[in-house]
Every structure is written in structure tokens, then in C-alpha cells.
Amino acid sequence: MSGMRRVVLLLCSAFLLASCGSSSTTTAVTCDLQFWNGTFGTCLPKGWKVLSQDNLKLLGVPEETVAAFQVEDPRGGQVSTLSTVTRSRSTRT
């Protein structure tokens, strides 16, 4: 059985090393727009915009949404890619 454990350990180690490898192409992301709404802050790269709370209400976005960001240009065949930040409700009694 210890031989089987060694094989599993070696396979797991090889998988971890392979997944940690670096690629030859890297893209540097720089801050284009700083965002802070009093609850949440972030730095957005070029090509992203902040959606207003009024727009979120019109779209029917849940009230738990603290902030929403939308990419201006299609990426990877996706149009209107949206990223949201939500707060969880406490269920303490």
C-alpha cells in the first residue's frame, strides 16, 4: 500500500508543479479608474465603467449589490460582460 501512496504523492506533486508553471506571455494590468463608494473600493483597468445605482435598479439587480462594473467592448465573444460585488445578509438572531 505504501507504494501506491508514493505514486499518488508523485502524481499530485507533478500536477502542482505543472499548474504553477508560467507562460511566456504576460499582460500587465494598470489602474485606469479608481472607484470608492463608501463601502467598497477597487481599481478598474481601461475599458471598464461603473454602473450607477439608478441603472442597477432599472435592470432589476438585487439590493445586495454594492457595486457593478461593465466592460465597454466585447471580450472573448461576450457582449456587456458585467462584474458585481454583493454583500451577504447576516442571519444572526
N, C-alpha and C. Protein backbone atom coordinates (compact mmCIF):
# COMPACT_ATOMS: atom_id res chain seq x y z
N MET A 1 0.81 -1.20 0.00
CA MET A 1 0.00 0.00 0.00
C MET A 1 0.86 1.27 0.00
N SER A 2 2.05 1.21 0.65
CA SER A 2 2.90 2.39 0.68
C SER A 2 3.42 2.75 -0.71
N GLY A 3 3.57 1.75 -1.60
CA GLY A 3 3.97 2.01 -2.98
C GLY A 3 2.91 2.81 -3.72
N MET A 4 1.64 2.50 -3.46
CA MET A 4 0.53 3.22 -4.08
C MET A 4 0.48 4.66 -3.57
N ARG A 5 0.75 4.86 -2.30
CA ARG A 5 0.77 6.20 -1.74
C ARG A 5 1.86 7.05 -2.39
N ARG A 6 3.01 6.43 -2.62
CA ARG A 6 4.10 7.16 -3.26
C ARG A 6 3.73 7.58 -4.68
N VAL A 7 3.07 6.69 -5.40
CA VAL A 7 2.65 7.01 -6.77
C VAL A 7 1.66 8.17 -6.75
N VAL A 8 0.70 8.13 -5.84
CA VAL A 8 -0.29 9.20 -5.74
C VAL A 8 0.39 10.50 -5.35
N LEU A 9 1.32 10.44 -4.40
CA LEU A 9 2.05 11.63 -3.98
C LEU A 9 2.86 12.22 -5.13
N LEU A 10 3.52 11.38 -5.90
CA LEU A 10 4.30 11.85 -7.05
C LEU A 10 3.42 12.47 -8.11
N LEU A 11 2.27 11.86 -8.38
CA LEU A 11 1.34 12.41 -9.38
C LEU A 11 0.80 13.75 -8.93
N CYS A 12 0.44 13.85 -7.66
CA CYS A 12 -0.07 15.13 -7.14
C CYS A 12 1.00 16.21 -7.21
N SER A 13 2.24 15.84 -6.86
CA SER A 13 3.34 16.80 -6.92
C SER A 13 3.58 17.26 -8.36
N ALA A 14 3.56 16.33 -9.29
CA ALA A 14 3.76 16.68 -10.70
C ALA A 14 2.65 17.60 -11.19
N PHE A 15 1.42 17.31 -10.78
CA PHE A 15 0.28 18.15 -11.18
C PHE A 15 0.45 19.57 -10.64
N LEU A 16 0.83 19.69 -9.36
CA LEU A 16 1.01 21.02 -8.77
C LEU A 16 2.12 21.79 -9.46
N LEU A 17 3.21 21.12 -9.74
CA LEU A 17 4.31 21.80 -10.42
C LEU A 17 3.92 22.24 -11.82
N ALA A 18 3.18 21.42 -12.53
CA ALA A 18 2.74 21.77 -13.88
C ALA A 18 1.76 22.93 -13.86
N SER A 19 0.90 22.97 -12.85
CA SER A 19 -0.11 24.03 -12.80
C SER A 19 0.50 25.36 -12.36
N CYS A 20 1.67 25.33 -11.73
CA CYS A 20 2.32 26.56 -11.29
C CYS A 20 3.28 27.12 -12.33
N GLY A 21 3.40 26.48 -13.46
CA GLY A 21 4.31 26.95 -14.49
C GLY A 21 3.87 28.28 -15.04
N SER A 22 4.80 29.03 -15.55
CA SER A 22 4.46 30.34 -16.10
C SER A 22 4.42 30.27 -17.61
N SER A 23 3.62 31.12 -18.18
CA SER A 23 3.56 31.20 -19.63
C SER A 23 4.52 32.27 -20.11
N SER A 24 4.83 32.26 -21.38
CA SER A 24 5.78 33.22 -21.91
C SER A 24 5.13 34.57 -22.20
N THR A 25 3.81 34.64 -22.22
CA THR A 25 3.14 35.90 -22.48
C THR A 25 2.44 36.37 -21.22
N THR A 26 2.71 37.59 -20.83
CA THR A 26 2.04 38.17 -19.67
C THR A 26 1.46 39.52 -20.07
N THR A 27 0.41 39.88 -19.42
CA THR A 27 -0.23 41.16 -19.68
C THR A 27 -0.27 41.96 -18.39
N ALA A 28 0.27 43.13 -18.40
CA ALA A 28 0.26 44.00 -17.23
C ALA A 28 -1.06 44.77 -17.21
N VAL A 29 -1.72 44.72 -16.09
CA VAL A 29 -2.98 45.45 -15.92
C VAL A 29 -2.68 46.67 -15.06
N THR A 30 -3.04 47.82 -15.57
CA THR A 30 -2.80 49.05 -14.83
C THR A 30 -4.11 49.70 -14.44
N CYS A 31 -4.05 50.47 -13.39
CA CYS A 31 -5.23 51.15 -12.89
C CYS A 31 -5.57 52.34 -13.79
N ASP A 32 -6.78 52.34 -14.31
CA ASP A 32 -7.23 53.45 -15.15
C ASP A 32 -8.25 54.31 -14.42
N LEU A 33 -9.03 53.69 -13.52
CA LEU A 33 -10.09 54.39 -12.80
C LEU A 33 -10.17 53.86 -11.38
N GLN A 34 -10.00 54.74 -10.41
CA GLN A 34 -10.16 54.33 -9.02
C GLN A 34 -11.62 54.49 -8.64
N PHE A 35 -12.15 53.50 -7.91
CA PHE A 35 -13.56 53.51 -7.52
C PHE A 35 -13.67 53.35 -6.02
N TRP A 36 -14.49 54.18 -5.38
CA TRP A 36 -14.81 54.06 -3.96
C TRP A 36 -16.21 54.61 -3.76
N ASN A 37 -17.09 53.80 -3.18
CA ASN A 37 -18.46 54.27 -2.95
C ASN A 37 -18.79 54.37 -1.47
N GLY A 38 -17.78 54.36 -0.61
CA GLY A 38 -18.01 54.44 0.82
C GLY A 38 -18.11 53.09 1.49
N THR A 39 -18.31 52.04 0.69
CA THR A 39 -18.40 50.67 1.20
C THR A 39 -17.34 49.79 0.58
N PHE A 40 -17.09 49.98 -0.69
CA PHE A 40 -16.19 49.11 -1.45
C PHE A 40 -15.31 49.96 -2.35
N GLY A 41 -14.06 49.56 -2.47
CA GLY A 41 -13.13 50.27 -3.34
C GLY A 41 -12.35 49.30 -4.20
N THR A 42 -12.02 49.74 -5.39
CA THR A 42 -11.20 48.94 -6.30
C THR A 42 -10.58 49.85 -7.34
N CYS A 43 -9.78 49.27 -8.16
CA CYS A 43 -9.13 49.98 -9.25
C CYS A 43 -9.49 49.27 -10.54
N LEU A 44 -10.09 49.96 -11.46
CA LEU A 44 -10.55 49.35 -12.70
C LEU A 44 -9.54 49.56 -13.83
N PRO A 45 -9.31 48.52 -14.63
CA PRO A 45 -8.45 48.68 -15.79
C PRO A 45 -9.17 49.44 -16.91
N LYS A 46 -8.43 49.85 -17.89
CA LYS A 46 -9.00 50.57 -19.03
C LYS A 46 -10.06 49.71 -19.71
N GLY A 47 -11.15 50.33 -20.11
CA GLY A 47 -12.21 49.62 -20.82
C GLY A 47 -13.37 49.19 -19.93
N TRP A 48 -13.30 49.48 -18.64
CA TRP A 48 -14.40 49.14 -17.73
C TRP A 48 -15.05 50.42 -17.24
N LYS A 49 -16.37 50.36 -17.02
CA LYS A 49 -17.09 51.52 -16.49
C LYS A 49 -17.92 51.09 -15.28
N VAL A 50 -18.23 52.05 -14.44
CA VAL A 50 -19.04 51.82 -13.25
C VAL A 50 -20.50 52.03 -13.61
N LEU A 51 -21.37 51.10 -13.21
CA LEU A 51 -22.80 51.28 -13.42
C LEU A 51 -23.39 51.98 -12.19
N SER A 52 -24.22 52.97 -12.43
CA SER A 52 -24.81 53.73 -11.33
C SER A 52 -25.87 52.90 -10.61
N GLN A 53 -26.15 53.26 -9.37
CA GLN A 53 -27.20 52.57 -8.61
C GLN A 53 -28.55 52.71 -9.30
N ASP A 54 -28.81 53.83 -9.96
CA ASP A 54 -30.07 54.01 -10.70
C ASP A 54 -30.18 53.00 -11.84
N ASN A 55 -29.08 52.80 -12.58
CA ASN A 55 -29.09 51.80 -13.66
C ASN A 55 -29.31 50.41 -13.11
N LEU A 56 -28.69 50.10 -11.96
CA LEU A 56 -28.86 48.79 -11.36
C LEU A 56 -30.32 48.54 -10.97
N LYS A 57 -30.97 49.57 -10.43
CA LYS A 57 -32.39 49.43 -10.06
C LYS A 57 -33.24 49.19 -11.30
N LEU A 58 -32.95 49.92 -12.39
CA LEU A 58 -33.71 49.74 -13.63
C LEU A 58 -33.53 48.34 -14.20
N LEU A 59 -32.34 47.77 -14.02
CA LEU A 59 -32.06 46.43 -14.52
C LEU A 59 -32.60 45.33 -13.60
N GLY A 60 -33.10 45.73 -12.43
CA GLY A 60 -33.65 44.74 -11.50
C GLY A 60 -32.59 43.98 -10.73
N VAL A 61 -31.42 44.58 -10.57
CA VAL A 61 -30.33 43.95 -9.84
C VAL A 61 -30.69 43.93 -8.35
N PRO A 62 -30.43 42.83 -7.65
CA PRO A 62 -30.77 42.74 -6.22
C PRO A 62 -30.15 43.86 -5.39
N GLU A 63 -30.82 44.25 -4.31
CA GLU A 63 -30.36 45.32 -3.44
C GLU A 63 -29.03 45.01 -2.76
N GLU A 64 -28.67 43.74 -2.67
CA GLU A 64 -27.41 43.34 -2.04
C GLU A 64 -26.20 43.74 -2.87
N THR A 65 -26.42 44.19 -4.09
CA THR A 65 -25.32 44.57 -4.97
C THR A 65 -24.75 45.90 -4.51
N VAL A 66 -23.48 45.89 -4.14
CA VAL A 66 -22.79 47.08 -3.65
C VAL A 66 -22.24 47.90 -4.81
N ALA A 67 -21.73 47.21 -5.83
CA ALA A 67 -21.16 47.89 -6.98
C ALA A 67 -21.23 46.97 -8.18
N ALA A 68 -21.29 47.57 -9.37
CA ALA A 68 -21.31 46.78 -10.61
C ALA A 68 -20.45 47.50 -11.64
N PHE A 69 -19.72 46.69 -12.39
CA PHE A 69 -18.82 47.21 -13.42
C PHE A 69 -19.09 46.48 -14.72
N GLN A 70 -18.99 47.21 -15.82
CA GLN A 70 -19.28 46.63 -17.13
C GLN A 70 -18.15 46.96 -18.09
N VAL A 71 -17.75 45.94 -18.86
CA VAL A 71 -16.72 46.16 -19.87
C VAL A 71 -17.36 46.89 -21.04
N GLU A 72 -16.65 47.84 -21.60
CA GLU A 72 -17.20 48.66 -22.67
C GLU A 72 -17.18 47.98 -24.03
N ASP A 73 -16.16 47.15 -24.28
CA ASP A 73 -16.03 46.45 -25.55
C ASP A 73 -16.22 44.96 -25.36
N PRO A 74 -16.76 44.27 -26.36
CA PRO A 74 -16.90 42.81 -26.25
C PRO A 74 -15.55 42.15 -26.04
N ARG A 75 -15.52 41.15 -25.18
CA ARG A 75 -14.29 40.40 -24.91
C ARG A 75 -14.59 38.91 -25.01
N GLY A 76 -13.80 38.21 -25.77
CA GLY A 76 -13.97 36.77 -25.88
C GLY A 76 -15.32 36.38 -26.42
N GLY A 77 -15.87 37.21 -27.30
CA GLY A 77 -17.17 36.91 -27.88
C GLY A 77 -18.34 37.26 -26.99
N GLN A 78 -18.07 37.80 -25.79
CA GLN A 78 -19.13 38.16 -24.86
C GLN A 78 -19.39 39.66 -24.95
N VAL A 79 -20.65 40.01 -25.03
CA VAL A 79 -21.04 41.42 -25.07
C VAL A 79 -21.59 41.78 -23.69
N SER A 80 -21.28 42.98 -23.25
CA SER A 80 -21.78 43.50 -21.98
C SER A 80 -21.40 42.63 -20.79
N THR A 81 -20.13 42.24 -20.72
CA THR A 81 -19.65 41.49 -19.57
C THR A 81 -19.82 42.35 -18.33
N LEU A 82 -20.43 41.78 -17.30
CA LEU A 82 -20.75 42.51 -16.08
C LEU A 82 -20.11 41.84 -14.89
N SER A 83 -19.54 42.62 -14.01
CA SER A 83 -18.95 42.11 -12.78
C SER A 83 -19.60 42.84 -11.62
N THR A 84 -20.06 42.11 -10.62
CA THR A 84 -20.74 42.73 -9.49
C THR A 84 -20.08 42.37 -8.17
N VAL A 85 -20.28 43.23 -7.19
CA VAL A 85 -19.84 42.99 -5.82
C VAL A 85 -21.10 43.04 -4.98
N THR A 86 -21.34 42.00 -4.20
CA THR A 86 -22.53 41.95 -3.36
C THR A 86 -22.15 41.79 -1.90
N ARG A 87 -23.06 42.17 -1.03
CA ARG A 87 -22.86 41.98 0.41
C ARG A 87 -23.79 40.87 0.85
N SER A 88 -23.32 40.05 1.75
CA SER A 88 -24.17 38.98 2.26
C SER A 88 -24.96 39.48 3.44
N ARG A 89 -26.16 38.97 3.56
CA ARG A 89 -27.01 39.35 4.68
C ARG A 89 -26.68 38.46 5.87
N SER A 90 -26.63 39.08 7.02
CA SER A 90 -26.37 38.31 8.24
C SER A 90 -27.65 37.62 8.67
N THR A 91 -27.51 36.36 9.10
CA THR A 91 -28.68 35.61 9.55
C THR A 91 -28.65 35.40 11.05
N ARG A 92 -27.91 36.22 11.77
CA ARG A 92 -27.82 36.11 13.23
C ARG A 92 -29.15 36.52 13.85
N THR A 93 -29.48 35.88 14.93
CA THR A 93 -30.72 36.24 15.64
C THR A 93 -30.43 36.73 17.02
